Amino acid sequence: LKIEAMPFDGAELICDKLLHTFNVMCPAILPKKFMKVGKSMDHHVAMTVGEFGEGEKARLLLRMKKFVAENEGKIEIVECDGSSDEMSLTAFRFVAAPAFRTWCVGEDVQGFSVDYALPKNAGEAPPLLGKVGEIDQPVPLKRMRYSHFGCNVVHEDLAYALGVDTHAAKLALKKEVEKDCGGKLPAEHGHGTEYSAPKETQKRWMNMDPLNIMNPGIGGLSSKYKYSSK
């Protein structure tokens, strides 16, 4: 924080530049067995299997074994060997988002992160091509997708060349998700002050917080006391 707060242009980028430069000299956070299957498969699921005293673990493993047999050659299961493997997978899961910022800074590109929900029967990613309303949807340089297994909440990190209007690209993605895919953006992380919420949602919030002191300005609402326009 002290480095990023130094009084000159670009100070806030120094740490990410250094991390990006020296990253190739550091060992991979994931063991080789996970890296190998990660490169050979298109989709990956990290699963924790628990046992609560009634044979849950045995039944799940039996179902997984049957599923793998029914899809021979399409699925590969790799188990963690001890707490070190478990810690590596957990760390990889949580550092993906901040690592994306470091990659963008190091590669001299820009990007943004979003989350959205898709219908339960939807499996395809929004194509991000062509014209969405009045907005020409730019093609991202890199696109990283990861989601919650079972509930179809998707997180995306999208990188674009410098000069691209990323705010317009984000709004185009929002329209594509909601109008073409039947989903909702945002989803898990809420509207914040960036997105306008549906009218019925705004009305519910105003009924819950008539003084507007809990989350002023959220979801396109006024940030003033009692939602005043003055």
Protein backbone atom coordinates (compact mmCIF):
# COMPACT_ATOMS: atom_id res chain seq x y z
CA LEU A 1 0.00 0.00 0.00
CA LYS A 2 2.85 2.40 0.73
CA ILE A 3 4.33 1.78 -2.72
CA GLU A 4 1.01 2.26 -4.51
CA ALA A 5 0.41 5.52 -2.60
CA MET A 6 3.71 7.08 -3.69
CA PRO A 7 3.23 10.54 -5.30
CA PHE A 8 3.94 9.85 -8.98
CA ASP A 9 2.04 8.51 -11.98
CA GLY A 10 2.01 4.74 -12.29
CA ALA A 11 2.81 4.06 -8.63
CA GLU A 12 -0.35 1.99 -8.29
CA LEU A 13 0.91 -0.36 -11.02
CA ILE A 14 4.42 -1.07 -9.71
CA CYS A 15 3.55 -4.10 -7.59
CA ASP A 16 1.56 -5.76 -10.39
CA LYS A 17 4.36 -5.08 -12.89
CA LEU A 18 6.88 -6.74 -10.58
CA LEU A 19 4.62 -9.71 -9.88
CA HIS A 20 4.03 -10.24 -13.60
CA THR A 21 7.76 -9.99 -14.39
CA PHE A 22 8.96 -12.42 -11.74
CA ASN A 23 6.01 -14.82 -11.89
CA VAL A 24 7.70 -17.00 -14.52
CA MET A 25 10.60 -17.56 -12.12
CA CYS A 26 8.34 -18.92 -9.37
CA PRO A 27 7.08 -22.51 -9.11
CA ALA A 28 3.50 -23.21 -10.14
CA ILE A 29 0.99 -23.06 -7.31
CA LEU A 30 -0.70 -26.26 -8.53
CA PRO A 31 1.01 -29.67 -8.41
CA LYS A 32 1.98 -31.11 -11.79
CA LYS A 33 -0.82 -33.70 -11.79
CA PHE A 34 -3.43 -30.92 -11.65
CA MET A 35 -1.62 -28.85 -14.26
CA LYS A 36 -1.52 -31.84 -16.61
CA VAL A 37 -5.25 -32.55 -16.45
CA GLY A 38 -5.94 -28.81 -16.59
CA LYS A 39 -4.28 -28.62 -19.99
CA SER A 40 -5.93 -31.75 -21.37
CA MET A 41 -9.55 -31.02 -20.41
CA ASP A 42 -11.87 -28.13 -21.33
CA HIS A 43 -13.85 -28.04 -18.08
CA HIS A 44 -12.83 -28.68 -14.50
CA VAL A 45 -14.71 -29.19 -11.24
CA ALA A 46 -13.08 -28.85 -7.81
CA MET A 47 -15.10 -30.93 -5.35
CA THR A 48 -14.84 -31.53 -1.62
CA VAL A 49 -16.32 -34.86 -0.53
CA GLY A 50 -17.56 -35.12 3.05
CA GLU A 51 -18.68 -37.97 5.28
CA PHE A 52 -21.36 -37.37 7.92
CA GLY A 53 -21.66 -40.87 9.33
CA GLU A 54 -24.29 -42.36 7.05
CA GLY A 55 -22.19 -43.51 4.11
CA GLU A 56 -22.49 -40.32 2.06
CA LYS A 57 -18.89 -40.45 0.84
CA ALA A 58 -19.09 -44.08 -0.27
CA ARG A 59 -22.33 -43.49 -2.18
CA LEU A 60 -20.96 -40.40 -3.92
CA LEU A 61 -17.74 -42.15 -4.93
CA LEU A 62 -19.77 -45.08 -6.27
CA ARG A 63 -21.91 -42.74 -8.38
CA MET A 64 -18.81 -40.94 -9.64
CA LYS A 65 -17.20 -44.25 -10.60
CA LYS A 66 -20.32 -45.24 -12.53
CA PHE A 67 -20.48 -41.83 -14.26
CA VAL A 68 -16.84 -42.08 -15.34
CA ALA A 69 -17.44 -45.59 -16.71
CA GLU A 70 -20.43 -44.33 -18.72
CA ASN A 71 -18.31 -41.53 -20.18
CA GLU A 72 -15.04 -43.38 -20.74
CA GLY A 73 -12.29 -41.19 -22.11
CA LYS A 74 -14.17 -37.97 -21.43
CA ILE A 75 -13.63 -37.65 -17.67
CA GLU A 76 -10.58 -37.91 -15.47
CA ILE A 77 -10.57 -37.79 -11.68
CA VAL A 78 -7.51 -36.55 -9.83
CA GLU A 79 -7.54 -36.76 -6.03
CA CYS A 80 -5.68 -34.57 -3.56
CA ASP A 81 -2.90 -36.30 -1.66
CA GLY A 82 -2.98 -34.61 1.70
CA SER A 83 -3.40 -31.07 3.00
CA SER A 84 -0.71 -29.59 0.73
CA ASP A 85 -2.70 -30.43 -2.41
CA GLU A 86 -5.90 -29.16 -0.79
CA MET A 87 -4.27 -25.84 0.12
CA SER A 88 -2.91 -25.43 -3.42
CA LEU A 89 -6.34 -25.92 -5.00
CA THR A 90 -7.99 -23.59 -2.51
CA ALA A 91 -5.38 -20.90 -3.11
CA PHE A 92 -5.71 -21.25 -6.88
CA ARG A 93 -9.46 -20.76 -6.61
CA PHE A 94 -9.22 -17.52 -4.68
CA VAL A 95 -6.25 -15.90 -6.45
CA ALA A 96 -7.74 -16.20 -9.96
CA ALA A 97 -9.46 -12.80 -9.84
CA PRO A 98 -6.55 -10.71 -8.46
CA ALA A 99 -4.15 -12.57 -10.76
CA PHE A 100 -6.23 -11.36 -13.71
CA ARG A 101 -5.54 -7.74 -12.76
CA THR A 102 -1.82 -8.49 -12.49
CA TRP A 103 -1.85 -10.13 -15.93
CA CYS A 104 -3.64 -7.13 -17.48
CA VAL A 105 -1.19 -4.64 -15.97
CA GLY A 106 1.81 -6.74 -16.98
CA GLU A 107 0.56 -7.18 -20.56
CA ASP A 108 -0.42 -3.49 -20.93
CA VAL A 109 -4.07 -4.25 -21.57
CA GLN A 110 -7.27 -3.45 -19.70
CA GLY A 111 -10.12 -5.56 -18.45
CA PHE A 112 -13.10 -6.01 -16.17
CA SER A 113 -14.75 -8.73 -14.11
CA VAL A 114 -18.47 -9.54 -13.99
CA ASP A 115 -20.79 -12.15 -12.59
CA TYR A 116 -24.13 -13.23 -14.01
CA ALA A 117 -26.74 -15.98 -13.65
CA LEU A 118 -27.95 -18.11 -16.57
CA PRO A 119 -31.06 -20.31 -16.79
CA LYS A 120 -30.53 -23.79 -15.38
CA ASN A 121 -30.67 -25.39 -18.84
CA ALA A 122 -28.22 -22.91 -20.43
CA GLY A 123 -24.75 -24.20 -21.13
CA GLU A 124 -23.32 -21.90 -23.80
CA ALA A 125 -21.32 -18.74 -23.10
CA PRO A 126 -22.58 -15.43 -24.54
CA PRO A 127 -20.80 -15.18 -27.92
CA LEU A 128 -19.66 -11.53 -27.52
CA LEU A 129 -19.77 -10.94 -31.25
CA GLY A 130 -21.54 -8.45 -33.48
CA LYS A 131 -23.79 -5.54 -32.63
CA VAL A 132 -25.81 -5.47 -29.40
CA GLY A 133 -28.40 -2.71 -29.74
CA GLU A 134 -26.44 0.41 -30.64
CA ILE A 135 -23.17 -0.99 -29.29
CA ASP A 136 -20.52 -2.78 -31.37
CA GLN A 137 -19.35 -5.58 -29.12
CA PRO A 138 -15.52 -5.68 -29.18
CA VAL A 139 -13.79 -9.06 -29.17
CA PRO A 140 -11.85 -9.67 -25.92
CA LEU A 141 -8.16 -10.57 -26.06
CA LYS A 142 -8.61 -13.11 -23.29
CA ARG A 143 -11.68 -14.54 -21.62
CA MET A 144 -11.61 -16.53 -18.39
CA ARG A 145 -14.83 -18.16 -17.19
CA TYR A 146 -15.45 -19.97 -13.92
CA SER A 147 -18.70 -20.75 -12.18
CA HIS A 148 -20.54 -22.32 -9.27
CA PHE A 149 -21.19 -25.98 -10.01
CA GLY A 150 -24.94 -26.64 -10.00
CA CYS A 151 -26.40 -23.12 -9.81
CA ASN A 152 -25.19 -21.63 -13.12
CA VAL A 153 -23.75 -18.44 -11.64
CA VAL A 154 -20.86 -17.51 -13.92
CA HIS A 155 -17.88 -15.25 -13.27
CA GLU A 156 -15.97 -13.81 -16.22
CA ASP A 157 -12.72 -11.89 -16.51
CA LEU A 158 -12.41 -10.20 -19.91
CA ALA A 159 -9.29 -8.45 -21.22
CA TYR A 160 -9.35 -5.85 -24.01
CA ALA A 161 -6.80 -3.81 -25.90
CA LEU A 162 -6.06 -0.30 -24.72
CA GLY A 163 -8.44 2.19 -26.29
CA VAL A 164 -11.49 -0.08 -26.12
CA ASP A 165 -14.44 1.40 -24.22
CA THR A 166 -14.70 -1.28 -21.53
CA HIS A 167 -17.75 0.33 -19.92
CA ALA A 168 -19.64 0.06 -23.22
CA ALA A 169 -18.38 -3.53 -23.61
CA LYS A 170 -19.70 -4.37 -20.15
CA LEU A 171 -23.13 -2.89 -20.94
CA ALA A 172 -23.21 -4.82 -24.22
CA LEU A 173 -22.44 -8.03 -22.33
CA LYS A 174 -25.23 -7.22 -19.86
CA LYS A 175 -27.74 -6.83 -22.72
CA GLU A 176 -26.54 -10.03 -24.34
CA VAL A 177 -26.84 -12.03 -21.11
CA GLU A 178 -30.31 -10.72 -20.28
CA LYS A 179 -31.97 -10.43 -23.71
CA ASP A 180 -30.34 -13.23 -25.70
CA CYS A 181 -29.51 -15.74 -22.96
CA GLY A 182 -32.41 -15.16 -20.54
CA GLY A 183 -30.04 -14.51 -17.64
CA LYS A 184 -29.35 -11.72 -15.17
CA LEU A 185 -26.29 -9.49 -14.76
CA PRO A 186 -25.23 -8.86 -12.04
CA ALA A 187 -26.01 -11.93 -9.95
CA GLU A 188 -24.05 -13.00 -6.88
CA HIS A 189 -22.32 -9.69 -6.10
CA GLY A 190 -25.30 -7.40 -6.48
CA HIS A 191 -25.92 -4.16 -8.35
CA GLY A 192 -23.73 -1.82 -6.31
CA THR A 193 -23.68 1.72 -7.64
CA GLU A 194 -22.76 0.69 -11.18
CA TYR A 195 -25.92 -1.09 -12.36
CA SER A 196 -29.55 0.02 -12.24
CA ALA A 197 -31.80 -2.52 -10.56
CA PRO A 198 -35.28 -3.47 -11.85
CA LYS A 199 -38.07 -1.17 -10.68
CA GLU A 200 -39.63 -3.82 -8.45
CA THR A 201 -36.27 -4.39 -6.77
CA GLN A 202 -35.78 -0.67 -6.19
CA LYS A 203 -39.26 -0.44 -4.68
CA ARG A 204 -38.53 -3.33 -2.32
CA TRP A 205 -35.29 -1.69 -1.17
CA MET A 206 -37.03 1.62 -0.57
CA ASN A 207 -39.68 -0.10 1.53
CA MET A 208 -37.00 -1.86 3.58
CA ASP A 209 -34.90 1.30 4.03
CA PRO A 210 -37.24 4.33 3.83
CA LEU A 211 -34.56 6.70 5.17
CA ASN A 212 -31.96 5.53 2.62
CA ILE A 213 -29.21 5.12 5.20
CA MET A 214 -28.22 1.47 4.61
CA ASN A 215 -26.93 1.51 1.02
CA PRO A 216 -27.42 5.01 -0.45
CA GLY A 217 -27.05 5.16 -4.22
CA ILE A 218 -27.37 1.44 -4.76
CA GLY A 219 -28.95 0.07 -7.93
CA GLY A 220 -29.59 3.40 -9.61
CA LEU A 221 -31.41 4.94 -6.63
CA SER A 222 -30.76 8.37 -5.17
CA SER A 223 -27.94 8.71 -2.68
CA LYS A 224 -29.82 11.45 -0.82
CA TYR A 225 -31.64 11.18 2.50
CA LYS A 226 -35.12 9.65 1.97
CA TYR A 227 -34.25 9.29 -1.75
CA SER A 228 -34.57 13.00 -2.33
CA SER A 229 -33.72 14.32 -5.79
CA LYS A 230 -32.36 17.58 -4.37
